[in-house]
Amino acid sequence: MAKKQDNELRGGNYFRMPDREEDKNAETYWDRIKPTLITAEEYFNTVEPQEEWYRRHEEKALSEFYGVPITVELVKDGA
């Protein structure tokens, strides 16, 4: 019979936090990295706003694609 897995964190959006340590004694990769994860909601509430994260990633991707520094300005609807 297959081992039952803890699927508590699966299917969500998570960020790995480099300041948190892995469980080196865990049986599976998932169990090893689980202590290093936080939910996207928690990340955006405590580390940086979602808009800032999005802007930073867009600037990096566009700058690499075009080979020049790109600045992204996020404009909210109605602005």
N, C-alpha and C. Protein backbone atom coordinates (compact mmCIF):
# COMPACT_ATOMS: atom_id res chain seq x y z
N MET A 1 0.85 -1.17 0.00
CA MET A 1 0.00 0.00 0.00
C MET A 1 0.90 1.24 0.00
N ALA A 2 0.50 2.24 -0.75
CA ALA A 2 1.28 3.48 -0.86
C ALA A 2 1.23 4.27 0.44
N LYS A 3 2.32 4.95 0.72
CA LYS A 3 2.39 5.80 1.92
C LYS A 3 1.52 7.02 1.71
N LYS A 4 0.70 7.34 2.70
CA LYS A 4 -0.15 8.53 2.62
C LYS A 4 0.72 9.77 2.80
N GLN A 5 0.55 10.73 1.91
CA GLN A 5 1.34 11.95 1.97
C GLN A 5 0.54 13.09 2.58
N ASP A 6 1.26 13.99 3.21
CA ASP A 6 0.65 15.19 3.77
C ASP A 6 0.56 16.21 2.64
N ASN A 7 -0.64 16.47 2.13
CA ASN A 7 -0.83 17.38 1.01
C ASN A 7 -1.24 18.77 1.45
N GLU A 8 -1.02 19.09 2.68
CA GLU A 8 -1.48 20.35 3.25
C GLU A 8 -1.03 21.57 2.44
N LEU A 9 0.21 21.60 1.96
CA LEU A 9 0.72 22.78 1.29
C LEU A 9 0.64 22.71 -0.23
N ARG A 10 0.26 21.61 -0.78
CA ARG A 10 0.26 21.46 -2.24
C ARG A 10 -0.84 22.28 -2.90
N GLY A 11 -0.55 22.76 -4.09
CA GLY A 11 -1.54 23.47 -4.87
C GLY A 11 -1.61 24.96 -4.58
N GLY A 12 -0.78 25.45 -3.70
CA GLY A 12 -0.78 26.87 -3.38
C GLY A 12 0.42 27.58 -3.98
N ASN A 13 0.50 28.85 -3.73
CA ASN A 13 1.64 29.64 -4.18
C ASN A 13 2.52 29.92 -2.97
N TYR A 14 3.79 29.54 -3.09
CA TYR A 14 4.70 29.66 -1.97
C TYR A 14 6.01 30.31 -2.40
N PHE A 15 6.65 30.95 -1.45
CA PHE A 15 7.97 31.53 -1.65
C PHE A 15 8.93 30.82 -0.73
N ARG A 16 10.12 30.52 -1.23
CA ARG A 16 11.17 29.97 -0.38
C ARG A 16 11.90 31.13 0.27
N MET A 17 12.09 31.02 1.56
CA MET A 17 12.77 32.04 2.33
C MET A 17 14.18 31.55 2.65
N PRO A 18 15.20 32.22 2.11
CA PRO A 18 16.56 31.74 2.29
C PRO A 18 17.05 31.79 3.74
N ASP A 19 16.39 32.57 4.59
CA ASP A 19 16.83 32.67 5.98
C ASP A 19 16.27 31.54 6.85
N ARG A 20 15.43 30.68 6.29
CA ARG A 20 14.87 29.54 7.02
C ARG A 20 15.61 28.28 6.61
N GLU A 21 15.82 27.38 7.57
CA GLU A 21 16.61 26.18 7.31
C GLU A 21 15.73 25.01 6.89
N GLU A 22 16.28 24.19 5.99
CA GLU A 22 15.61 22.98 5.56
C GLU A 22 15.69 21.92 6.66
N ASP A 23 14.79 20.96 6.58
CA ASP A 23 14.83 19.80 7.48
C ASP A 23 15.69 18.73 6.81
N LYS A 24 16.96 18.71 7.17
CA LYS A 24 17.93 17.81 6.51
C LYS A 24 17.62 16.34 6.75
N ASN A 25 16.84 16.02 7.78
CA ASN A 25 16.55 14.62 8.11
C ASN A 25 15.23 14.14 7.52
N ALA A 26 14.57 14.95 6.72
CA ALA A 26 13.27 14.58 6.15
C ALA A 26 13.42 13.44 5.14
N GLU A 27 12.36 12.68 5.00
CA GLU A 27 12.39 11.54 4.08
C GLU A 27 12.23 11.95 2.62
N THR A 28 11.49 13.01 2.35
CA THR A 28 11.24 13.43 0.97
C THR A 28 11.71 14.86 0.76
N TYR A 29 11.88 15.21 -0.51
CA TYR A 29 12.29 16.57 -0.85
C TYR A 29 11.25 17.58 -0.35
N TRP A 30 9.98 17.25 -0.55
CA TRP A 30 8.90 18.14 -0.13
C TRP A 30 8.97 18.41 1.38
N ASP A 31 9.14 17.36 2.16
CA ASP A 31 9.24 17.52 3.61
C ASP A 31 10.50 18.28 4.01
N ARG A 32 11.56 18.14 3.21
CA ARG A 32 12.80 18.85 3.51
C ARG A 32 12.65 20.34 3.33
N ILE A 33 11.97 20.79 2.24
CA ILE A 33 11.89 22.23 1.98
C ILE A 33 10.69 22.90 2.64
N LYS A 34 9.73 22.12 3.13
CA LYS A 34 8.51 22.70 3.72
C LYS A 34 8.80 23.77 4.78
N PRO A 35 9.78 23.60 5.68
CA PRO A 35 10.03 24.64 6.69
C PRO A 35 10.55 25.96 6.10
N THR A 36 11.01 25.95 4.86
CA THR A 36 11.54 27.17 4.25
C THR A 36 10.48 27.96 3.49
N LEU A 37 9.26 27.45 3.42
CA LEU A 37 8.22 28.06 2.60
C LEU A 37 7.28 28.95 3.41
N ILE A 38 6.82 30.03 2.76
CA ILE A 38 5.72 30.82 3.29
C ILE A 38 4.73 31.02 2.15
N THR A 39 3.48 31.24 2.49
CA THR A 39 2.48 31.43 1.46
C THR A 39 2.69 32.77 0.77
N ALA A 40 2.18 32.88 -0.44
CA ALA A 40 2.28 34.14 -1.17
C ALA A 40 1.58 35.25 -0.40
N GLU A 41 0.45 34.93 0.19
CA GLU A 41 -0.29 35.94 0.97
C GLU A 41 0.56 36.47 2.12
N GLU A 42 1.22 35.56 2.84
CA GLU A 42 2.07 35.98 3.96
C GLU A 42 3.27 36.79 3.45
N TYR A 43 3.85 36.36 2.32
CA TYR A 43 4.99 37.08 1.73
C TYR A 43 4.61 38.52 1.39
N PHE A 44 3.48 38.67 0.69
CA PHE A 44 3.06 40.01 0.27
C PHE A 44 2.60 40.88 1.43
N ASN A 45 2.22 40.29 2.53
CA ASN A 45 1.82 41.06 3.72
C ASN A 45 3.00 41.43 4.61
N THR A 46 4.09 40.66 4.56
CA THR A 46 5.19 40.89 5.49
C THR A 46 6.51 41.27 4.85
N VAL A 47 6.78 40.82 3.62
CA VAL A 47 8.09 41.05 3.02
C VAL A 47 8.06 42.23 2.05
N GLU A 48 7.21 42.18 1.05
CA GLU A 48 7.08 43.28 0.10
C GLU A 48 5.71 43.23 -0.56
N PRO A 49 5.18 44.38 -0.98
CA PRO A 49 3.87 44.40 -1.64
C PRO A 49 3.91 43.65 -2.97
N GLN A 50 2.78 43.09 -3.34
CA GLN A 50 2.70 42.34 -4.59
C GLN A 50 3.05 43.21 -5.80
N GLU A 51 2.63 44.46 -5.80
CA GLU A 51 2.91 45.34 -6.92
C GLU A 51 4.41 45.55 -7.10
N GLU A 52 5.13 45.69 -5.99
CA GLU A 52 6.58 45.87 -6.06
C GLU A 52 7.26 44.61 -6.58
N TRP A 53 6.81 43.45 -6.11
CA TRP A 53 7.35 42.17 -6.58
C TRP A 53 7.13 42.04 -8.08
N TYR A 54 5.93 42.34 -8.54
CA TYR A 54 5.60 42.23 -9.96
C TYR A 54 6.45 43.20 -10.79
N ARG A 55 6.56 44.45 -10.33
CA ARG A 55 7.35 45.45 -11.06
C ARG A 55 8.80 45.01 -11.19
N ARG A 56 9.37 44.54 -10.10
CA ARG A 56 10.77 44.11 -10.09
C ARG A 56 11.01 42.96 -11.07
N HIS A 57 10.11 41.99 -11.10
CA HIS A 57 10.27 40.86 -12.01
C HIS A 57 10.05 41.24 -13.46
N GLU A 58 9.11 42.13 -13.72
CA GLU A 58 8.89 42.61 -15.09
C GLU A 58 10.11 43.37 -15.60
N GLU A 59 10.68 44.24 -14.76
CA GLU A 59 11.86 44.99 -15.16
C GLU A 59 13.02 44.05 -15.50
N LYS A 60 13.22 43.05 -14.68
CA LYS A 60 14.31 42.10 -14.92
C LYS A 60 14.10 41.35 -16.22
N ALA A 61 12.90 40.82 -16.43
CA ALA A 61 12.62 40.03 -17.63
C ALA A 61 12.74 40.88 -18.90
N LEU A 62 12.17 42.07 -18.88
CA LEU A 62 12.22 42.93 -20.05
C LEU A 62 13.64 43.42 -20.33
N SER A 63 14.38 43.73 -19.28
CA SER A 63 15.76 44.18 -19.45
C SER A 63 16.62 43.08 -20.06
N GLU A 64 16.43 41.84 -19.62
CA GLU A 64 17.18 40.72 -20.19
C GLU A 64 16.76 40.47 -21.64
N PHE A 65 15.48 40.59 -21.94
CA PHE A 65 14.98 40.33 -23.29
C PHE A 65 15.51 41.37 -24.29
N TYR A 66 15.44 42.65 -23.92
CA TYR A 66 15.85 43.71 -24.84
C TYR A 66 17.33 44.08 -24.73
N GLY A 67 18.00 43.65 -23.68
CA GLY A 67 19.41 43.92 -23.52
C GLY A 67 19.73 45.34 -23.08
N VAL A 68 18.76 46.05 -22.59
CA VAL A 68 18.95 47.41 -22.06
C VAL A 68 18.15 47.53 -20.77
N PRO A 69 18.54 48.47 -19.90
CA PRO A 69 17.76 48.64 -18.66
C PRO A 69 16.34 49.15 -18.96
N ILE A 70 15.37 48.48 -18.41
CA ILE A 70 13.96 48.86 -18.59
C ILE A 70 13.39 49.26 -17.23
N THR A 71 12.63 50.34 -17.22
CA THR A 71 11.93 50.77 -16.01
C THR A 71 10.44 50.57 -16.23
N VAL A 72 9.79 49.90 -15.30
CA VAL A 72 8.37 49.63 -15.39
C VAL A 72 7.65 50.50 -14.38
N GLU A 73 6.59 51.14 -14.83
CA GLU A 73 5.74 51.93 -13.93
C GLU A 73 4.36 51.30 -13.95
N LEU A 74 3.90 50.89 -12.79
CA LEU A 74 2.58 50.28 -12.68
C LEU A 74 1.54 51.37 -12.48
N VAL A 75 0.51 51.33 -13.30
CA VAL A 75 -0.55 52.34 -13.22
C VAL A 75 -1.83 51.63 -12.83
N LYS A 76 -2.46 52.10 -11.78
CA LYS A 76 -3.72 51.51 -11.35
C LYS A 76 -4.85 52.02 -12.20
N ASP A 77 -5.91 51.22 -12.35
CA ASP A 77 -7.08 51.61 -13.12
C ASP A 77 -7.63 52.93 -12.60
N GLY A 78 -8.00 53.80 -13.50
CA GLY A 78 -8.58 55.08 -13.14
C GLY A 78 -7.56 56.15 -12.81
N ALA A 79 -6.28 55.82 -12.93
CA ALA A 79 -5.24 56.82 -12.60
C ALA A 79 -4.88 57.62 -13.83
